[in-house]
Protein backbone atom coordinates (compact mmCIF):
# COMPACT_ATOMS: atom_id res chain seq x y z
CA MET A 1 -25.35 14.45 0.19
CA GLY A 2 -27.33 11.26 0.67
CA ALA A 3 -26.04 8.04 2.20
CA THR A 4 -22.98 6.53 0.55
CA ILE A 5 -20.85 3.45 1.08
CA TRP A 6 -18.75 5.52 3.50
CA SER A 7 -21.62 6.90 5.60
CA GLY A 8 -20.80 6.45 9.31
CA VAL A 9 -17.48 4.70 8.66
CA ARG A 10 -15.31 7.39 10.22
CA GLU A 11 -17.47 7.42 13.34
CA ARG A 12 -17.37 3.61 13.63
CA VAL A 13 -13.58 3.56 13.45
CA GLU A 14 -13.03 6.45 15.85
CA ALA A 15 -15.36 4.76 18.36
CA LEU A 16 -13.00 1.79 18.54
CA ALA A 17 -10.41 3.87 20.41
CA ARG A 18 -12.81 4.05 23.37
CA LEU A 19 -13.13 0.27 23.74
CA ASP A 20 -11.15 -1.45 26.50
CA GLU A 21 -9.69 -4.12 24.23
CA ALA A 22 -8.91 -1.89 21.25
CA GLN A 23 -5.20 -2.62 21.73
CA GLN A 24 -5.87 -6.09 20.35
CA VAL A 25 -6.33 -4.64 16.86
CA PHE A 26 -3.05 -5.12 15.03
CA GLY A 27 -1.31 -1.90 14.07
CA ALA A 28 -3.50 0.37 16.19
CA TRP A 29 -0.87 1.02 18.85
CA ASP A 30 2.90 1.53 18.91
CA LEU A 31 4.02 -2.09 19.08
CA TYR A 32 6.68 -4.30 17.46
CA GLY A 33 8.62 -1.30 16.18
CA GLY A 34 5.66 0.17 14.29
CA ARG A 35 3.84 3.43 14.86
CA GLY A 36 0.15 2.76 15.28
CA HIS A 37 -2.69 4.77 13.80
CA HIS A 38 -4.64 5.00 17.11
CA PHE A 39 -7.90 4.95 15.10
CA ARG A 40 -7.30 8.54 14.01
CA PHE A 41 -7.83 10.03 10.56
CA ALA A 42 -6.39 12.97 8.72
CA ASP A 43 -9.09 15.46 7.75
CA PRO A 44 -11.03 14.77 4.53
CA LEU A 45 -9.90 16.62 1.42
CA SER A 46 -11.96 18.88 -0.81
CA GLU A 47 -12.81 18.11 -4.42
CA ALA A 48 -10.41 20.86 -5.50
CA GLU A 49 -7.57 19.41 -3.41
CA VAL A 50 -8.00 15.88 -4.74
CA ALA A 51 -8.19 17.18 -8.30
CA GLU A 52 -5.01 19.18 -7.74
CA ALA A 53 -3.17 16.08 -6.47
CA GLU A 54 -4.39 14.05 -9.44
CA GLY A 55 -3.23 16.75 -11.83
CA GLN A 56 0.19 16.94 -10.23
CA TRP A 57 0.87 13.22 -10.63
CA GLY A 58 -1.08 12.61 -13.82
CA VAL A 59 -3.49 10.08 -12.32
CA SER A 60 -7.21 9.56 -11.99
CA LEU A 61 -7.76 7.94 -8.61
CA PRO A 62 -10.13 4.93 -8.50
CA ALA A 63 -13.62 6.03 -7.49
CA GLU A 64 -13.85 4.13 -4.20
CA TYR A 65 -10.55 5.46 -2.90
CA ARG A 66 -11.25 8.94 -4.21
CA SER A 67 -14.59 9.13 -2.40
CA PHE A 68 -12.88 7.89 0.79
CA LEU A 69 -10.49 10.85 0.63
CA LEU A 70 -13.45 13.21 0.26
CA GLU A 71 -15.81 11.68 2.82
CA VAL A 72 -13.74 9.86 5.45
CA GLY A 73 -10.20 11.18 5.56
CA ALA A 74 -6.96 11.74 3.67
CA GLY A 75 -5.47 8.69 5.40
CA GLY A 76 -4.78 7.35 8.86
CA ALA A 77 -6.71 4.54 10.54
CA GLY A 78 -6.84 1.40 8.45
CA PRO A 79 -5.36 -2.03 7.76
CA GLY A 80 -1.93 -2.78 9.18
CA TYR A 81 -0.30 0.34 10.59
CA GLY A 82 -2.78 2.59 8.81
CA LEU A 83 -3.35 4.23 5.44
CA SER A 84 -0.80 6.43 3.74
CA VAL A 85 -1.79 10.09 4.16
CA LEU A 86 -2.19 12.38 1.15
CA ARG A 87 -1.12 15.88 2.15
CA ARG A 88 0.17 19.07 0.60
CA THR A 89 3.89 19.65 1.26
CA THR A 90 6.49 22.15 0.11
CA ALA A 91 7.04 19.77 -2.84
CA GLY A 92 3.32 19.66 -3.65
CA TRP A 93 0.91 16.83 -2.97
CA ARG A 94 2.52 13.63 -1.69
CA TRP A 95 1.52 10.41 -0.01
CA SER A 96 3.39 9.76 3.23
CA ALA A 97 5.80 6.83 3.27
CA VAL A 98 4.18 3.68 4.66
CA ASP A 99 7.27 1.47 5.07
CA LEU A 100 9.27 2.12 1.92
CA PRO A 101 9.60 5.42 0.04
CA LEU A 102 7.00 5.80 -2.70
CA ARG A 103 8.17 6.63 -6.22
CA HIS A 104 5.65 9.35 -6.99
CA ASP A 105 7.01 9.68 -10.51
CA TYR A 106 5.86 6.11 -11.15
CA LEU A 107 2.22 6.75 -10.24
CA GLY A 108 1.12 7.85 -13.71
CA LEU A 109 2.84 5.00 -15.54
CA PRO A 110 0.96 1.90 -16.77
CA PHE A 111 0.67 -0.96 -14.28
CA LEU A 112 2.47 -3.97 -15.77
CA THR A 113 0.51 -6.93 -17.07
CA GLY A 114 1.36 -10.39 -15.79
CA ASP A 115 3.31 -11.24 -18.94
CA GLU A 116 5.25 -7.98 -18.87
CA ARG A 117 6.16 -8.53 -15.22
CA TRP A 118 7.24 -12.15 -15.80
CA ASN A 119 9.33 -11.30 -18.86
CA MET A 120 11.03 -8.42 -17.07
CA LEU A 121 11.94 -10.56 -14.07
CA ALA A 122 13.03 -13.50 -16.21
CA GLU A 123 15.29 -11.29 -18.31
CA HIS A 124 16.95 -9.93 -15.19
CA ASP A 125 17.39 -13.36 -13.61
CA GLY A 126 18.86 -14.70 -16.84
CA GLY A 127 21.46 -11.95 -16.85
CA GLN A 128 23.01 -12.88 -13.51
CA PRO A 129 26.82 -12.72 -13.88
CA GLN A 130 28.67 -16.02 -13.52
CA GLN A 131 32.12 -15.91 -11.96
CA SER A 132 33.48 -18.31 -14.57
CA GLY A 133 32.96 -15.65 -17.23
CA PHE A 134 35.35 -13.14 -15.66
CA ASP A 135 39.14 -12.97 -15.62
CA ASP A 136 39.41 -11.74 -12.03
CA ASP A 137 37.35 -11.45 -8.87
CA ASP A 138 37.22 -7.65 -8.84
CA THR A 139 35.62 -7.49 -12.28
CA TYR A 140 33.13 -10.19 -11.35
CA PHE A 141 32.12 -8.54 -8.09
CA ALA A 142 31.66 -5.20 -9.84
CA ALA A 143 29.37 -6.81 -12.42
CA TYR A 144 27.49 -8.69 -9.71
CA SER A 145 27.01 -5.49 -7.68
CA ALA A 146 25.62 -3.71 -10.76
CA TRP A 147 23.25 -6.64 -11.36
CA MET A 148 22.01 -6.48 -7.77
CA THR A 149 21.44 -2.73 -8.07
CA ALA A 150 19.43 -3.31 -11.25
CA GLY A 151 17.37 -5.84 -9.31
CA ASP A 152 16.54 -3.25 -6.65
CA GLU A 153 15.45 -0.83 -9.35
CA LEU A 154 13.38 -3.58 -10.98
CA ALA A 155 11.59 -4.23 -7.68
CA GLU A 156 10.35 -0.64 -7.82
CA ARG A 157 9.39 -0.84 -11.50
CA VAL A 158 7.18 -3.86 -10.79
CA THR A 159 4.88 -1.63 -8.71
CA ARG A 160 4.76 1.33 -11.09
CA GLY A 161 1.25 2.62 -11.71
CA ALA A 162 0.21 1.61 -8.17
CA LEU A 163 -0.08 3.44 -4.84
CA ASN A 164 1.45 2.03 -1.65
CA LEU A 165 -1.50 2.26 0.75
CA SER A 166 -0.52 0.45 3.94
CA HIS A 167 2.02 -1.85 5.52
CA GLU A 168 1.78 -4.72 7.97
CA GLY A 169 5.40 -4.63 9.11
CA CYS A 170 8.57 -6.33 7.82
CA GLY A 171 8.08 -4.73 4.42
CA SER A 172 4.73 -6.39 3.66
CA CYS A 173 2.49 -3.83 1.92
CA HIS A 174 -0.81 -3.37 0.09
CA TRP A 175 -0.90 -1.48 -3.21
CA LEU A 176 -3.82 0.07 -5.10
CA VAL A 177 -3.56 -0.11 -8.90
CA LEU A 178 -4.17 3.31 -10.47
CA ASN A 179 -3.81 2.59 -14.19
CA GLY A 180 -4.60 -0.04 -16.78
CA PRO A 181 -7.02 -2.98 -16.93
CA GLU A 182 -6.55 -3.78 -13.22
CA ARG A 183 -7.25 -0.23 -12.08
CA GLY A 184 -8.91 -0.18 -8.66
CA ALA A 185 -7.63 -3.64 -7.61
CA LEU A 186 -5.59 -4.30 -4.47
CA TRP A 187 -2.28 -6.15 -4.61
CA ARG A 188 -0.26 -7.55 -1.70
CA ASP A 189 3.52 -7.30 -1.69
CA ASP A 190 5.26 -9.95 0.45
CA ARG A 191 8.55 -9.99 -1.47
CA SER A 192 10.55 -8.73 1.49
CA GLY A 193 9.69 -11.96 3.29
CA ASP A 194 10.49 -14.23 0.34
CA GLY A 195 6.86 -14.07 -0.76
CA GLU A 196 5.38 -12.68 -3.98
CA PHE A 197 3.64 -9.63 -5.39
CA THR A 198 0.11 -10.92 -6.01
CA PRO A 199 -3.46 -9.63 -6.43
CA VAL A 200 -5.78 -9.76 -3.42
CA GLY A 201 -8.71 -12.12 -4.00
CA GLU A 202 -9.38 -14.55 -6.81
CA PRO A 203 -8.14 -13.86 -10.37
CA ARG A 204 -11.68 -13.43 -11.65
CA ALA A 205 -12.88 -11.56 -8.57
CA PRO A 206 -10.37 -8.78 -7.77
CA VAL A 207 -10.76 -6.99 -4.44
CA GLY A 208 -11.32 -3.23 -4.60
CA PHE A 209 -10.55 -0.57 -2.03
CA ALA A 210 -14.01 -0.38 -0.43
CA HIS A 211 -14.29 -4.14 0.12
CA TRP A 212 -10.75 -4.29 1.51
CA TYR A 213 -11.24 -1.36 3.86
CA LEU A 214 -14.72 -2.21 5.10
CA GLN A 215 -13.65 -5.78 5.76
CA TRP A 216 -10.92 -4.38 7.99
CA VAL A 217 -13.45 -2.19 9.83
CA GLU A 218 -15.69 -5.17 10.54
CA GLY A 219 -12.76 -7.29 11.69
CA ALA A 220 -11.43 -4.52 13.92
CA GLU A 221 -14.84 -4.11 15.56
CA ILE A 222 -15.03 -7.84 16.29
CA THR A 223 -11.48 -7.90 17.67
CA ALA A 224 -11.90 -4.79 19.84
CA ARG A 225 -15.07 -6.17 21.41
CA ARG A 226 -13.67 -9.65 22.06
CA PRO A 227 -13.04 -10.20 25.79
CA LEU A 228 -9.33 -10.58 26.45
CA ARG A 229 -8.43 -13.83 28.19
CA ARG A 230 -6.62 -12.90 31.35
CA PRO A 231 -4.51 -15.26 33.47
CA ARG A 232 -6.30 -16.70 36.44
């Protein structure tokens, strides 16, 4: 195989572990309650293994991410606390949890358009029970609890058709869209911190997996080689 976009990437990342200031790279070590990736990768997968995983979940992985699995590794070192690892388990092929459990049965579904997402959220918000509409507190609280549960389920539906790739702590995650017009684009989920679920990059210039990952590699190299200021 000739040179590809991933040529030498695994070696560059693994070399960071040998630098004195590598601990400055966020997510690399076991800090702030997170388990770091230590600049380690899972072994690359074979073409047959990737195809088997795709067949199991009814998806066709975006080319940049797919080639990463084949050439670099099945997960591990990467942005935040590292990339979710694709591995064969007793239940078949699964991606490891990277902060919140991944709904594998949602992977093959269409990723929602902006209008579909807005309408779904607006409909739920508009259905919030009002205490004045109930005869007693118990009935109201039961309806409110059911509405909240529906909201939790809706939060998962918003990310259907996407793969949870990495997390930066406190529930903030990056997702890779697997289906639909935005296939291959990265989205950032900051809803756990009162933020939003939004695409990475500009609307007319979506960020793909390779750009996102290689930008992290370059930033990690700069950070790991930066002299640490020590107290005098």
